[in-house]
Amino acid sequence: MATLKRRYPTQADLVAGAFEEKMWLFASGARKALDDPDPWHGFCRYVRSLCSMQLSDRGFSDVLTMTFPSVGRFRSCTSAGI
């Protein structure tokens, strides 16, 4: 328990740690969509990717709607650089 509390001092840190890889996949999909030369194709690919991620992990949609104000590891995902 002590190790867990040291690594994840808050509930937001614990949730962020559990879903970190999925959040990076989400951000990567957004970057790929923005890089697509055809905006409609990029948007459609992004929506399909997001739906696929949500279908494979129902808890993921809850994480996407959460905010992590104190978790620094997601700042680069949520900044204007996506």
N, C-alpha and C. Protein backbone atom coordinates (compact mmCIF):
# COMPACT_ATOMS: atom_id res chain seq x y z
N MET A 1 0.82 -1.18 0.00
CA MET A 1 0.00 0.00 0.00
C MET A 1 0.87 1.25 0.00
N ALA A 2 1.96 1.21 0.76
CA ALA A 2 2.83 2.39 0.84
C ALA A 2 3.47 2.70 -0.51
N THR A 3 3.89 1.66 -1.23
CA THR A 3 4.48 1.87 -2.55
C THR A 3 3.46 2.47 -3.51
N LEU A 4 2.25 1.97 -3.47
CA LEU A 4 1.18 2.49 -4.31
C LEU A 4 0.93 3.97 -4.00
N LYS A 5 0.88 4.31 -2.74
CA LYS A 5 0.63 5.71 -2.34
C LYS A 5 1.79 6.62 -2.74
N ARG A 6 3.03 6.07 -2.71
CA ARG A 6 4.18 6.88 -3.13
C ARG A 6 4.15 7.15 -4.62
N ARG A 7 3.81 6.13 -5.40
CA ARG A 7 3.78 6.29 -6.86
C ARG A 7 2.58 7.09 -7.34
N TYR A 8 1.47 6.90 -6.67
CA TYR A 8 0.22 7.56 -7.08
C TYR A 8 -0.41 8.23 -5.85
N PRO A 9 0.03 9.44 -5.53
CA PRO A 9 -0.44 10.09 -4.30
C PRO A 9 -1.92 10.47 -4.32
N THR A 10 -2.50 10.64 -5.51
CA THR A 10 -3.92 11.00 -5.58
C THR A 10 -4.66 9.99 -6.46
N GLN A 11 -5.97 10.01 -6.36
CA GLN A 11 -6.79 9.13 -7.19
C GLN A 11 -6.59 9.45 -8.67
N ALA A 12 -6.47 10.73 -9.00
CA ALA A 12 -6.25 11.13 -10.39
C ALA A 12 -4.93 10.56 -10.91
N ASP A 13 -3.90 10.55 -10.07
CA ASP A 13 -2.61 9.98 -10.48
C ASP A 13 -2.74 8.48 -10.74
N LEU A 14 -3.49 7.79 -9.92
CA LEU A 14 -3.69 6.35 -10.10
C LEU A 14 -4.44 6.05 -11.39
N VAL A 15 -5.52 6.76 -11.64
CA VAL A 15 -6.29 6.57 -12.88
C VAL A 15 -5.42 6.90 -14.09
N ALA A 16 -4.67 7.99 -14.00
CA ALA A 16 -3.79 8.38 -15.10
C ALA A 16 -2.75 7.31 -15.37
N GLY A 17 -2.19 6.74 -14.32
CA GLY A 17 -1.21 5.67 -14.50
C GLY A 17 -1.81 4.44 -15.14
N ALA A 18 -3.02 4.11 -14.76
CA ALA A 18 -3.68 2.93 -15.31
C ALA A 18 -4.03 3.09 -16.78
N PHE A 19 -4.32 4.31 -17.21
CA PHE A 19 -4.76 4.54 -18.59
C PHE A 19 -3.76 5.33 -19.42
N GLU A 20 -2.53 5.45 -18.94
CA GLU A 20 -1.54 6.27 -19.64
C GLU A 20 -1.32 5.82 -21.07
N GLU A 21 -1.14 4.53 -21.28
CA GLU A 21 -0.89 4.04 -22.64
C GLU A 21 -2.07 4.34 -23.57
N LYS A 22 -3.28 4.16 -23.09
CA LYS A 22 -4.45 4.45 -23.93
C LYS A 22 -4.57 5.93 -24.23
N MET A 23 -4.22 6.78 -23.28
CA MET A 23 -4.26 8.21 -23.53
C MET A 23 -3.27 8.61 -24.61
N TRP A 24 -2.08 7.99 -24.60
CA TRP A 24 -1.10 8.29 -25.65
C TRP A 24 -1.59 7.79 -27.00
N LEU A 25 -2.27 6.65 -27.04
CA LEU A 25 -2.85 6.16 -28.29
C LEU A 25 -3.93 7.12 -28.79
N PHE A 26 -4.73 7.63 -27.88
CA PHE A 26 -5.76 8.60 -28.22
C PHE A 26 -5.13 9.85 -28.82
N ALA A 27 -4.09 10.36 -28.18
CA ALA A 27 -3.41 11.56 -28.67
C ALA A 27 -2.72 11.30 -30.01
N SER A 28 -2.15 10.13 -30.15
CA SER A 28 -1.49 9.77 -31.41
C SER A 28 -2.50 9.71 -32.56
N GLY A 29 -3.67 9.17 -32.30
CA GLY A 29 -4.72 9.14 -33.32
C GLY A 29 -5.16 10.53 -33.73
N ALA A 30 -5.22 11.43 -32.77
CA ALA A 30 -5.60 12.82 -33.08
C ALA A 30 -4.52 13.47 -33.95
N ARG A 31 -3.25 13.22 -33.62
CA ARG A 31 -2.16 13.79 -34.42
C ARG A 31 -2.19 13.26 -35.85
N LYS A 32 -2.42 11.96 -36.00
CA LYS A 32 -2.49 11.36 -37.34
C LYS A 32 -3.64 11.96 -38.14
N ALA A 33 -4.77 12.17 -37.48
CA ALA A 33 -5.92 12.75 -38.17
C ALA A 33 -5.61 14.17 -38.64
N LEU A 34 -4.94 14.93 -37.81
CA LEU A 34 -4.61 16.31 -38.18
C LEU A 34 -3.56 16.36 -39.30
N ASP A 35 -2.72 15.34 -39.37
CA ASP A 35 -1.68 15.30 -40.41
C ASP A 35 -2.20 14.80 -41.75
N ASP A 36 -3.39 14.23 -41.77
CA ASP A 36 -3.92 13.70 -43.02
C ASP A 36 -4.18 14.85 -44.00
N PRO A 37 -3.70 14.74 -45.25
CA PRO A 37 -3.92 15.82 -46.21
C PRO A 37 -5.40 16.03 -46.56
N ASP A 38 -6.21 14.98 -46.40
CA ASP A 38 -7.64 15.10 -46.66
C ASP A 38 -8.35 15.22 -45.31
N PRO A 39 -8.83 16.40 -44.93
CA PRO A 39 -9.43 16.59 -43.61
C PRO A 39 -10.59 15.64 -43.31
N TRP A 40 -11.42 15.38 -44.29
CA TRP A 40 -12.56 14.49 -44.05
C TRP A 40 -12.08 13.06 -43.77
N HIS A 41 -11.12 12.60 -44.54
CA HIS A 41 -10.56 11.27 -44.32
C HIS A 41 -9.92 11.18 -42.94
N GLY A 42 -9.17 12.22 -42.56
CA GLY A 42 -8.54 12.24 -41.24
C GLY A 42 -9.57 12.20 -40.13
N PHE A 43 -10.63 12.97 -40.28
CA PHE A 43 -11.69 12.99 -39.28
C PHE A 43 -12.37 11.63 -39.16
N CYS A 44 -12.71 11.04 -40.30
CA CYS A 44 -13.38 9.73 -40.28
C CYS A 44 -12.49 8.66 -39.66
N ARG A 45 -11.20 8.68 -40.01
CA ARG A 45 -10.27 7.70 -39.43
C ARG A 45 -10.18 7.90 -37.92
N TYR A 46 -10.15 9.15 -37.49
CA TYR A 46 -10.07 9.44 -36.06
C TYR A 46 -11.31 8.94 -35.32
N VAL A 47 -12.48 9.18 -35.87
CA VAL A 47 -13.72 8.74 -35.22
C VAL A 47 -13.77 7.22 -35.15
N ARG A 48 -13.39 6.55 -36.24
CA ARG A 48 -13.36 5.07 -36.23
C ARG A 48 -12.39 4.56 -35.18
N SER A 49 -11.22 5.17 -35.09
CA SER A 49 -10.22 4.77 -34.11
C SER A 49 -10.72 4.97 -32.69
N LEU A 50 -11.33 6.10 -32.43
CA LEU A 50 -11.86 6.40 -31.11
C LEU A 50 -12.97 5.41 -30.73
N CYS A 51 -13.86 5.13 -31.67
CA CYS A 51 -14.94 4.17 -31.40
C CYS A 51 -14.39 2.78 -31.13
N SER A 52 -13.38 2.39 -31.88
CA SER A 52 -12.75 1.09 -31.67
C SER A 52 -12.12 1.00 -30.29
N MET A 53 -11.44 2.07 -29.87
CA MET A 53 -10.82 2.08 -28.54
C MET A 53 -11.89 1.99 -27.46
N GLN A 54 -12.99 2.71 -27.64
CA GLN A 54 -14.05 2.69 -26.64
C GLN A 54 -14.75 1.34 -26.61
N LEU A 55 -14.90 0.71 -27.76
CA LEU A 55 -15.55 -0.59 -27.82
C LEU A 55 -14.72 -1.66 -27.11
N SER A 56 -13.40 -1.57 -27.26
CA SER A 56 -12.54 -2.59 -26.66
C SER A 56 -12.35 -2.39 -25.16
N ASP A 57 -12.65 -1.20 -24.66
CA ASP A 57 -12.49 -0.93 -23.23
C ASP A 57 -13.54 0.09 -22.80
N ARG A 58 -14.62 -0.38 -22.23
CA ARG A 58 -15.73 0.50 -21.89
C ARG A 58 -15.35 1.56 -20.86
N GLY A 59 -14.41 1.27 -20.01
CA GLY A 59 -13.96 2.23 -19.01
C GLY A 59 -13.19 3.38 -19.63
N PHE A 60 -12.67 3.17 -20.82
CA PHE A 60 -11.88 4.19 -21.48
C PHE A 60 -12.70 5.44 -21.78
N SER A 61 -13.95 5.29 -22.16
CA SER A 61 -14.77 6.47 -22.45
C SER A 61 -14.97 7.32 -21.20
N ASP A 62 -15.03 6.69 -20.03
CA ASP A 62 -15.12 7.45 -18.79
C ASP A 62 -13.84 8.25 -18.57
N VAL A 63 -12.70 7.63 -18.87
CA VAL A 63 -11.42 8.31 -18.69
C VAL A 63 -11.29 9.48 -19.64
N LEU A 64 -11.78 9.33 -20.86
CA LEU A 64 -11.69 10.43 -21.83
C LEU A 64 -12.44 11.67 -21.38
N THR A 65 -13.49 11.48 -20.61
CA THR A 65 -14.28 12.63 -20.19
C THR A 65 -13.82 13.20 -18.85
N MET A 66 -12.82 12.57 -18.25
CA MET A 66 -12.29 13.07 -16.98
C MET A 66 -11.25 14.15 -17.24
N THR A 67 -11.03 14.98 -16.26
CA THR A 67 -9.94 15.94 -16.33
C THR A 67 -8.90 15.56 -15.30
N PHE A 68 -7.67 15.83 -15.65
CA PHE A 68 -6.55 15.49 -14.78
C PHE A 68 -5.72 16.75 -14.53
N PRO A 69 -6.26 17.72 -13.79
CA PRO A 69 -5.55 18.99 -13.62
C PRO A 69 -4.21 18.85 -12.91
N SER A 70 -4.07 17.87 -12.04
CA SER A 70 -2.84 17.76 -11.27
C SER A 70 -1.87 16.74 -11.84
N VAL A 71 -2.21 16.10 -12.95
CA VAL A 71 -1.37 15.05 -13.49
C VAL A 71 -0.58 15.61 -14.67
N GLY A 72 0.70 15.82 -14.45
CA GLY A 72 1.55 16.44 -15.46
C GLY A 72 1.82 15.58 -16.67
N ARG A 73 1.71 14.26 -16.55
CA ARG A 73 2.09 13.40 -17.68
C ARG A 73 1.15 13.52 -18.87
N PHE A 74 -0.05 14.09 -18.67
CA PHE A 74 -0.98 14.24 -19.80
C PHE A 74 -0.99 15.65 -20.38
N ARG A 75 -0.23 16.54 -19.81
CA ARG A 75 -0.26 17.92 -20.31
C ARG A 75 0.13 18.00 -21.78
N SER A 76 1.12 17.22 -22.18
CA SER A 76 1.54 17.27 -23.59
C SER A 76 0.47 16.67 -24.50
N CYS A 77 -0.36 15.76 -23.99
CA CYS A 77 -1.44 15.18 -24.79
C CYS A 77 -2.55 16.20 -24.99
N THR A 78 -2.79 17.01 -23.99
CA THR A 78 -3.95 17.89 -24.05
C THR A 78 -3.61 19.32 -24.45
N SER A 79 -2.36 19.57 -24.71
CA SER A 79 -1.99 20.93 -25.12
C SER A 79 -2.32 21.14 -26.59
N ALA A 80 -2.09 22.31 -27.08
CA ALA A 80 -2.40 22.64 -28.46
C ALA A 80 -1.54 21.86 -29.44
N GLY A 81 -0.53 21.16 -28.96
CA GLY A 81 0.36 20.41 -29.83
C GLY A 81 -0.17 19.09 -30.34
N ILE A 82 -1.40 18.73 -29.99
CA ILE A 82 -1.94 17.44 -30.45
C ILE A 82 -2.00 17.40 -31.93
